[in-house]
Amino acid sequence: MKSRSKNIFDYIIVGTGHSGAFLPHPLSKNSNRRSVQLIGTVAGGKLNIIILFIQPRSRGSIKLQNNAPLKIVLADEGFLNNSFDLETIKAIYKIYIRDIADKLSKIDHAYKLINPTLDTIENDKEIENFIKENFGHNHHQ
């Protein structure tokens, strides 16, 4: 494994039914620290890539409603409160997801990126809207 590469295929780990990669922050020059996890899984004959942005700058809050241990907490993820997080997620699509799509289409010309499309990834406003409409939090309660 190359420690300084931003080539996603240098980081892929393949397992039974899944594959994944821990990748450097796409906007950082320090590629020794992992900030992104991509998990590939197949469903309905399609490759789905789950993006986990491991080190967001946005901060939320969790409030206890009362002392009952089984009562769910009130959570505000603060999702995308820090604009750097949105820029990072856009870069994940523009660098890593586009690279995956490009390499897979060279292996099999029938492969195409369905959602978002490459056109959406290339358009800043469209990819921002896609992220805001489709990206969810990954906090634990």
N, C-alpha and C. Protein backbone atom coordinates (compact mmCIF):
# COMPACT_ATOMS: atom_id res chain seq x y z
N MET A 1 0.84 -1.17 0.00
CA MET A 1 0.00 0.00 0.00
C MET A 1 0.89 1.24 0.00
N LYS A 2 0.65 2.16 -0.89
CA LYS A 2 1.41 3.39 -0.97
C LYS A 2 0.85 4.38 0.04
N SER A 3 1.71 4.95 0.88
CA SER A 3 1.21 5.82 1.95
C SER A 3 0.90 7.24 1.48
N ARG A 4 1.40 7.67 0.36
CA ARG A 4 1.20 9.04 -0.07
C ARG A 4 0.26 9.18 -1.27
N SER A 5 -0.27 8.11 -1.74
CA SER A 5 -1.09 8.13 -2.95
C SER A 5 -2.51 8.58 -2.66
N LYS A 6 -3.13 9.28 -3.61
CA LYS A 6 -4.55 9.58 -3.54
C LYS A 6 -5.31 8.72 -4.53
N ASN A 7 -4.64 7.72 -5.08
CA ASN A 7 -5.27 6.76 -5.98
C ASN A 7 -6.04 5.76 -5.14
N ILE A 8 -7.36 5.78 -5.28
CA ILE A 8 -8.22 4.93 -4.45
C ILE A 8 -7.85 3.47 -4.54
N PHE A 9 -7.39 3.00 -5.67
CA PHE A 9 -7.09 1.59 -5.84
C PHE A 9 -5.84 1.16 -5.07
N ASP A 10 -5.11 2.10 -4.50
CA ASP A 10 -3.99 1.76 -3.63
C ASP A 10 -4.45 1.45 -2.21
N TYR A 11 -5.73 1.68 -1.91
CA TYR A 11 -6.23 1.54 -0.54
C TYR A 11 -7.36 0.53 -0.39
N ILE A 12 -7.78 -0.11 -1.44
CA ILE A 12 -8.96 -0.98 -1.38
C ILE A 12 -8.65 -2.27 -0.61
N ILE A 13 -9.58 -2.60 0.27
CA ILE A 13 -9.54 -3.85 1.01
C ILE A 13 -10.76 -4.65 0.57
N VAL A 14 -10.56 -5.87 0.11
CA VAL A 14 -11.68 -6.67 -0.39
C VAL A 14 -12.00 -7.76 0.63
N GLY A 15 -13.29 -7.91 0.93
CA GLY A 15 -13.76 -8.95 1.83
C GLY A 15 -14.91 -9.69 1.19
N THR A 16 -15.51 -10.58 1.93
CA THR A 16 -16.63 -11.36 1.41
C THR A 16 -17.85 -10.48 1.24
N GLY A 17 -18.24 -10.23 0.01
CA GLY A 17 -19.44 -9.46 -0.27
C GLY A 17 -19.29 -7.96 -0.16
N HIS A 18 -18.18 -7.49 0.36
CA HIS A 18 -17.97 -6.05 0.53
C HIS A 18 -16.53 -5.72 0.17
N SER A 19 -16.30 -4.47 -0.08
CA SER A 19 -14.93 -3.99 -0.19
C SER A 19 -14.92 -2.60 0.42
N GLY A 20 -13.76 -2.13 0.77
CA GLY A 20 -13.72 -0.82 1.40
C GLY A 20 -12.34 -0.20 1.28
N ALA A 21 -12.29 1.06 1.61
CA ALA A 21 -11.04 1.80 1.56
C ALA A 21 -11.06 2.88 2.62
N PHE A 22 -9.95 3.05 3.33
CA PHE A 22 -9.74 4.18 4.22
C PHE A 22 -8.80 5.11 3.48
N LEU A 23 -9.26 6.33 3.22
CA LEU A 23 -8.52 7.23 2.33
C LEU A 23 -8.12 8.52 3.02
N PRO A 24 -7.07 9.16 2.49
CA PRO A 24 -6.66 10.46 3.03
C PRO A 24 -7.73 11.52 2.76
N HIS A 25 -7.67 12.58 3.55
CA HIS A 25 -8.56 13.72 3.32
C HIS A 25 -8.27 14.25 1.92
N PRO A 26 -9.30 14.40 1.08
CA PRO A 26 -9.05 14.78 -0.32
C PRO A 26 -8.50 16.20 -0.49
N LEU A 27 -8.60 17.04 0.52
CA LEU A 27 -8.11 18.41 0.40
C LEU A 27 -6.81 18.64 1.18
N SER A 28 -6.28 17.58 1.80
CA SER A 28 -5.10 17.71 2.64
C SER A 28 -3.86 17.23 1.92
N LYS A 29 -2.74 17.85 2.23
CA LYS A 29 -1.47 17.40 1.69
C LYS A 29 -0.89 16.28 2.55
N ASN A 30 -1.42 16.12 3.77
CA ASN A 30 -0.97 15.05 4.66
C ASN A 30 -1.80 13.81 4.37
N SER A 31 -1.26 12.92 3.56
CA SER A 31 -2.02 11.73 3.16
C SER A 31 -1.78 10.55 4.09
N ASN A 32 -1.08 10.77 5.19
CA ASN A 32 -0.85 9.69 6.14
C ASN A 32 -2.03 9.51 7.09
N ARG A 33 -2.89 10.50 7.20
CA ARG A 33 -4.03 10.42 8.11
C ARG A 33 -5.30 10.15 7.32
N ARG A 34 -6.02 9.12 7.71
CA ARG A 34 -7.24 8.73 7.01
C ARG A 34 -8.43 9.55 7.51
N SER A 35 -9.22 10.06 6.57
CA SER A 35 -10.38 10.89 6.90
C SER A 35 -11.65 10.42 6.23
N VAL A 36 -11.52 9.52 5.28
CA VAL A 36 -12.67 9.08 4.48
C VAL A 36 -12.67 7.55 4.45
N GLN A 37 -13.84 6.98 4.65
CA GLN A 37 -14.00 5.55 4.46
C GLN A 37 -15.04 5.34 3.38
N LEU A 38 -14.70 4.56 2.38
CA LEU A 38 -15.65 4.17 1.34
C LEU A 38 -15.91 2.68 1.50
N ILE A 39 -17.19 2.32 1.48
CA ILE A 39 -17.58 0.93 1.60
C ILE A 39 -18.39 0.57 0.36
N GLY A 40 -17.96 -0.43 -0.36
CA GLY A 40 -18.66 -0.87 -1.55
C GLY A 40 -19.49 -2.10 -1.24
N THR A 41 -20.72 -2.09 -1.69
CA THR A 41 -21.60 -3.23 -1.51
C THR A 41 -22.49 -3.34 -2.76
N VAL A 42 -22.90 -4.54 -3.07
CA VAL A 42 -23.74 -4.75 -4.25
C VAL A 42 -25.16 -5.07 -3.80
N ALA A 43 -26.13 -4.38 -4.39
CA ALA A 43 -27.55 -4.64 -4.12
C ALA A 43 -28.31 -4.41 -5.42
N GLY A 44 -29.20 -5.32 -5.74
CA GLY A 44 -30.00 -5.19 -6.96
C GLY A 44 -29.15 -5.13 -8.21
N GLY A 45 -28.00 -5.79 -8.20
CA GLY A 45 -27.13 -5.80 -9.36
C GLY A 45 -26.37 -4.50 -9.57
N LYS A 46 -26.38 -3.63 -8.57
CA LYS A 46 -25.69 -2.34 -8.69
C LYS A 46 -24.67 -2.20 -7.56
N LEU A 47 -23.55 -1.58 -7.88
CA LEU A 47 -22.54 -1.26 -6.88
C LEU A 47 -22.98 0.00 -6.15
N ASN A 48 -23.07 -0.08 -4.85
CA ASN A 48 -23.38 1.08 -4.02
C ASN A 48 -22.15 1.42 -3.21
N ILE A 49 -21.80 2.68 -3.16
CA ILE A 49 -20.65 3.12 -2.39
C ILE A 49 -21.14 4.00 -1.25
N ILE A 50 -20.83 3.56 -0.05
CA ILE A 50 -21.20 4.31 1.15
C ILE A 50 -20.00 5.18 1.51
N ILE A 51 -20.25 6.46 1.71
CA ILE A 51 -19.19 7.40 2.06
C ILE A 51 -19.32 7.75 3.54
N LEU A 52 -18.25 7.53 4.29
CA LEU A 52 -18.20 7.96 5.68
C LEU A 52 -17.09 8.99 5.80
N PHE A 53 -17.47 10.21 6.09
CA PHE A 53 -16.50 11.28 6.33
C PHE A 53 -16.20 11.24 7.82
N ILE A 54 -15.03 10.75 8.16
CA ILE A 54 -14.70 10.38 9.53
C ILE A 54 -14.35 11.58 10.41
N GLN A 55 -13.85 12.66 9.86
CA GLN A 55 -13.39 13.78 10.68
C GLN A 55 -14.06 15.10 10.29
N PRO A 56 -15.38 15.19 10.46
CA PRO A 56 -16.03 16.46 10.11
C PRO A 56 -15.69 17.56 11.11
N ARG A 57 -15.76 18.78 10.67
CA ARG A 57 -15.55 19.93 11.55
C ARG A 57 -16.86 20.42 12.15
N SER A 58 -17.97 20.09 11.50
CA SER A 58 -19.28 20.48 12.02
C SER A 58 -19.52 19.78 13.35
N ARG A 59 -20.16 20.48 14.26
CA ARG A 59 -20.46 19.92 15.57
C ARG A 59 -21.93 20.10 15.88
N GLY A 60 -22.51 19.08 16.45
CA GLY A 60 -23.91 19.12 16.84
C GLY A 60 -24.02 19.04 18.35
N SER A 61 -25.20 18.65 18.79
CA SER A 61 -25.41 18.53 20.23
C SER A 61 -26.38 17.39 20.51
N ILE A 62 -26.25 16.85 21.70
CA ILE A 62 -27.16 15.81 22.18
C ILE A 62 -27.65 16.25 23.54
N LYS A 63 -28.98 16.22 23.72
CA LYS A 63 -29.57 16.63 24.99
C LYS A 63 -30.42 15.49 25.54
N LEU A 64 -30.22 15.23 26.82
CA LEU A 64 -31.06 14.25 27.50
C LEU A 64 -32.43 14.89 27.73
N GLN A 65 -33.49 14.13 27.47
CA GLN A 65 -34.84 14.66 27.70
C GLN A 65 -35.23 14.53 29.17
N ASN A 66 -34.77 13.47 29.81
CA ASN A 66 -35.01 13.27 31.23
C ASN A 66 -34.07 12.17 31.72
N ASN A 67 -34.26 11.70 32.92
CA ASN A 67 -33.35 10.71 33.50
C ASN A 67 -33.67 9.27 33.10
N ALA A 68 -34.73 9.05 32.34
CA ALA A 68 -35.09 7.70 31.93
C ALA A 68 -34.05 7.18 30.93
N PRO A 69 -33.37 6.07 31.25
CA PRO A 69 -32.28 5.60 30.39
C PRO A 69 -32.74 5.11 29.01
N LEU A 70 -34.00 4.75 28.87
CA LEU A 70 -34.48 4.24 27.58
C LEU A 70 -35.13 5.32 26.72
N LYS A 71 -35.26 6.52 27.24
CA LYS A 71 -35.84 7.63 26.48
C LYS A 71 -34.79 8.13 25.49
N ILE A 72 -35.17 8.22 24.25
CA ILE A 72 -34.22 8.65 23.22
C ILE A 72 -33.80 10.11 23.46
N VAL A 73 -32.57 10.40 23.16
CA VAL A 73 -32.05 11.75 23.33
C VAL A 73 -32.49 12.64 22.17
N LEU A 74 -32.46 13.93 22.38
CA LEU A 74 -32.69 14.88 21.30
C LEU A 74 -31.33 15.18 20.67
N ALA A 75 -31.21 14.90 19.39
CA ALA A 75 -29.93 15.08 18.72
C ALA A 75 -30.06 16.07 17.57
N ASP A 76 -29.13 16.98 17.50
CA ASP A 76 -28.97 17.87 16.36
C ASP A 76 -27.57 17.60 15.84
N GLU A 77 -27.47 16.92 14.70
CA GLU A 77 -26.16 16.54 14.18
C GLU A 77 -25.28 17.73 13.82
N GLY A 78 -25.89 18.88 13.59
CA GLY A 78 -25.11 20.01 13.12
C GLY A 78 -24.53 19.74 11.74
N PHE A 79 -25.21 18.89 11.00
CA PHE A 79 -24.71 18.43 9.71
C PHE A 79 -24.44 19.59 8.76
N LEU A 80 -23.23 19.67 8.29
CA LEU A 80 -22.74 20.69 7.34
C LEU A 80 -22.80 22.11 7.91
N ASN A 81 -22.76 22.26 9.23
CA ASN A 81 -22.69 23.60 9.82
C ASN A 81 -21.39 24.31 9.45
N ASN A 82 -20.34 23.55 9.27
CA ASN A 82 -19.05 24.10 8.89
C ASN A 82 -18.90 23.91 7.38
N SER A 83 -18.71 24.99 6.65
CA SER A 83 -18.65 24.92 5.18
C SER A 83 -17.49 24.06 4.67
N PHE A 84 -16.45 23.88 5.48
CA PHE A 84 -15.33 23.04 5.08
C PHE A 84 -15.79 21.60 4.85
N ASP A 85 -16.79 21.15 5.62
CA ASP A 85 -17.30 19.79 5.45
C ASP A 85 -17.96 19.61 4.09
N LEU A 86 -18.74 20.58 3.65
CA LEU A 86 -19.37 20.50 2.33
C LEU A 86 -18.30 20.47 1.24
N GLU A 87 -17.29 21.31 1.37
CA GLU A 87 -16.21 21.33 0.38
C GLU A 87 -15.47 19.98 0.36
N THR A 88 -15.31 19.38 1.53
CA THR A 88 -14.65 18.07 1.61
C THR A 88 -15.48 17.00 0.92
N ILE A 89 -16.78 16.96 1.20
CA ILE A 89 -17.63 15.95 0.59
C ILE A 89 -17.68 16.13 -0.92
N LYS A 90 -17.73 17.39 -1.38
CA LYS A 90 -17.67 17.63 -2.83
C LYS A 90 -16.37 17.06 -3.40
N ALA A 91 -15.27 17.26 -2.69
CA ALA A 91 -13.97 16.76 -3.16
C ALA A 91 -13.94 15.24 -3.16
N ILE A 92 -14.61 14.61 -2.20
CA ILE A 92 -14.69 13.14 -2.18
C ILE A 92 -15.33 12.66 -3.48
N TYR A 93 -16.41 13.31 -3.89
CA TYR A 93 -17.06 12.93 -5.15
C TYR A 93 -16.16 13.25 -6.35
N LYS A 94 -15.56 14.44 -6.36
CA LYS A 94 -14.78 14.87 -7.52
C LYS A 94 -13.48 14.10 -7.68
N ILE A 95 -12.91 13.64 -6.57
CA ILE A 95 -11.63 12.94 -6.65
C ILE A 95 -11.84 11.42 -6.59
N TYR A 96 -12.42 10.94 -5.51
CA TYR A 96 -12.50 9.49 -5.30
C TYR A 96 -13.61 8.82 -6.10
N ILE A 97 -14.82 9.34 -6.03
CA ILE A 97 -15.94 8.68 -6.73
C ILE A 97 -15.75 8.77 -8.24
N ARG A 98 -15.34 9.93 -8.73
CA ARG A 98 -15.09 10.06 -10.17
C ARG A 98 -13.98 9.12 -10.62
N ASP A 99 -12.93 8.94 -9.79
CA ASP A 99 -11.83 8.04 -10.13
C ASP A 99 -12.32 6.59 -10.20
N ILE A 100 -13.16 6.21 -9.25
CA ILE A 100 -13.73 4.85 -9.27
C ILE A 100 -14.54 4.66 -10.55
N ALA A 101 -15.41 5.63 -10.85
CA ALA A 101 -16.26 5.53 -12.05
C ALA A 101 -15.41 5.43 -13.31
N ASP A 102 -14.37 6.23 -13.39
CA ASP A 102 -13.50 6.23 -14.56
C ASP A 102 -12.80 4.87 -14.73
N LYS A 103 -12.26 4.35 -13.65
CA LYS A 103 -11.53 3.08 -13.74
C LYS A 103 -12.47 1.91 -14.03
N LEU A 104 -13.66 1.91 -13.44
CA LEU A 104 -14.60 0.83 -13.70
C LEU A 104 -15.11 0.87 -15.14
N SER A 105 -15.31 2.08 -15.69
CA SER A 105 -15.78 2.16 -17.07
C SER A 105 -14.72 1.69 -18.06
N LYS A 106 -13.44 1.77 -17.67
CA LYS A 106 -12.38 1.25 -18.53
C LYS A 106 -12.34 -0.27 -18.49
N ILE A 107 -12.75 -0.85 -17.37
CA ILE A 107 -12.82 -2.31 -17.25
C ILE A 107 -14.03 -2.84 -18.01
N ASP A 108 -15.16 -2.14 -17.86
CA ASP A 108 -16.41 -2.56 -18.50
C ASP A 108 -17.11 -1.31 -19.01
N HIS A 109 -17.18 -1.17 -20.33
CA HIS A 109 -17.76 0.04 -20.92
C HIS A 109 -19.24 0.21 -20.62
N ALA A 110 -19.90 -0.85 -20.17
CA ALA A 110 -21.32 -0.76 -19.81
C ALA A 110 -21.50 -0.07 -18.46
N TYR A 111 -20.43 0.02 -17.67
CA TYR A 111 -20.54 0.66 -16.36
C TYR A 111 -20.76 2.15 -16.54
N LYS A 112 -21.70 2.69 -15.75
CA LYS A 112 -21.88 4.14 -15.71
C LYS A 112 -22.32 4.54 -14.33
N LEU A 113 -21.94 5.72 -13.94
CA LEU A 113 -22.34 6.27 -12.65
C LEU A 113 -23.78 6.73 -12.78
N ILE A 114 -24.64 6.22 -11.89
CA ILE A 114 -26.07 6.51 -12.00
C ILE A 114 -26.48 7.72 -11.17
N ASN A 115 -26.07 7.73 -9.90
CA ASN A 115 -26.54 8.80 -9.01
C ASN A 115 -25.51 9.09 -7.95
N PRO A 116 -24.84 10.23 -8.00
CA PRO A 116 -25.03 11.31 -8.96
C PRO A 116 -24.32 10.98 -10.27
N THR A 117 -24.72 11.66 -11.30
CA THR A 117 -24.07 11.49 -12.59
C THR A 117 -22.74 12.25 -12.58
N LEU A 118 -21.89 11.95 -13.55
CA LEU A 118 -20.64 12.70 -13.68
C LEU A 118 -20.92 14.18 -13.93
N ASP A 119 -21.97 14.49 -14.68
CA ASP A 119 -22.33 15.90 -14.92
C ASP A 119 -22.69 16.59 -13.61
N THR A 120 -23.39 15.90 -12.73
CA THR A 120 -23.75 16.48 -11.43
C THR A 120 -22.49 16.72 -10.61
N ILE A 121 -21.58 15.76 -10.61
CA ILE A 121 -20.34 15.90 -9.84
C ILE A 121 -19.54 17.11 -10.33
N GLU A 122 -19.53 17.36 -11.63
CA GLU A 122 -18.75 18.46 -12.19
C GLU A 122 -19.38 19.83 -11.95
N ASN A 123 -20.66 19.88 -11.62
CA ASN A 123 -21.36 21.14 -11.42
C ASN A 123 -21.46 21.42 -9.92
N ASP A 124 -20.77 22.46 -9.44
CA ASP A 124 -20.70 22.75 -8.01
C ASP A 124 -22.08 22.87 -7.34
N LYS A 125 -22.97 23.62 -7.94
CA LYS A 125 -24.31 23.80 -7.35
C LYS A 125 -25.08 22.49 -7.33
N GLU A 126 -25.03 21.73 -8.41
CA GLU A 126 -25.76 20.47 -8.47
C GLU A 126 -25.22 19.46 -7.47
N ILE A 127 -23.89 19.37 -7.32
CA ILE A 127 -23.35 18.41 -6.37
C ILE A 127 -23.64 18.85 -4.94
N GLU A 128 -23.63 20.15 -4.68
CA GLU A 128 -24.01 20.65 -3.35
C GLU A 128 -25.45 20.26 -3.03
N ASN A 129 -26.35 20.48 -3.97
CA ASN A 129 -27.75 20.11 -3.75
C ASN A 129 -27.90 18.61 -3.55
N PHE A 130 -27.19 17.82 -4.35
CA PHE A 130 -27.23 16.37 -4.21
C PHE A 130 -26.79 15.96 -2.80
N ILE A 131 -25.70 16.52 -2.33
CA ILE A 131 -25.17 16.19 -1.00
C ILE A 131 -26.19 16.57 0.07
N LYS A 132 -26.73 17.76 -0.01
CA LYS A 132 -27.70 18.22 1.00
C LYS A 132 -28.97 17.36 1.01
N GLU A 133 -29.35 16.85 -0.13
CA GLU A 133 -30.59 16.05 -0.23
C GLU A 133 -30.36 14.57 0.07
N ASN A 134 -29.13 14.07 -0.10
CA ASN A 134 -28.90 12.63 -0.02
C ASN A 134 -27.92 12.16 1.05
N PHE A 135 -27.14 13.06 1.57
CA PHE A 135 -26.11 12.67 2.54
C PHE A 135 -26.72 12.75 3.93
N GLY A 136 -26.52 11.72 4.74
CA GLY A 136 -27.06 11.72 6.10
C GLY A 136 -25.96 11.69 7.13
N HIS A 137 -26.34 11.91 8.35
CA HIS A 137 -25.39 11.88 9.46
C HIS A 137 -25.03 10.43 9.78
N ASN A 138 -23.96 10.28 10.54
CA ASN A 138 -23.58 8.93 10.98
C ASN A 138 -23.25 8.92 12.46
N HIS A 139 -24.00 9.70 13.23
CA HIS A 139 -23.74 9.70 14.68
C HIS A 139 -24.42 8.51 15.34
N HIS A 140 -23.93 8.17 16.50
CA HIS A 140 -24.49 7.05 17.25
C HIS A 140 -25.30 7.61 18.41
N GLN A 141 -26.43 6.98 18.70
CA GLN A 141 -27.22 7.41 19.85
C GLN A 141 -27.16 6.39 20.94
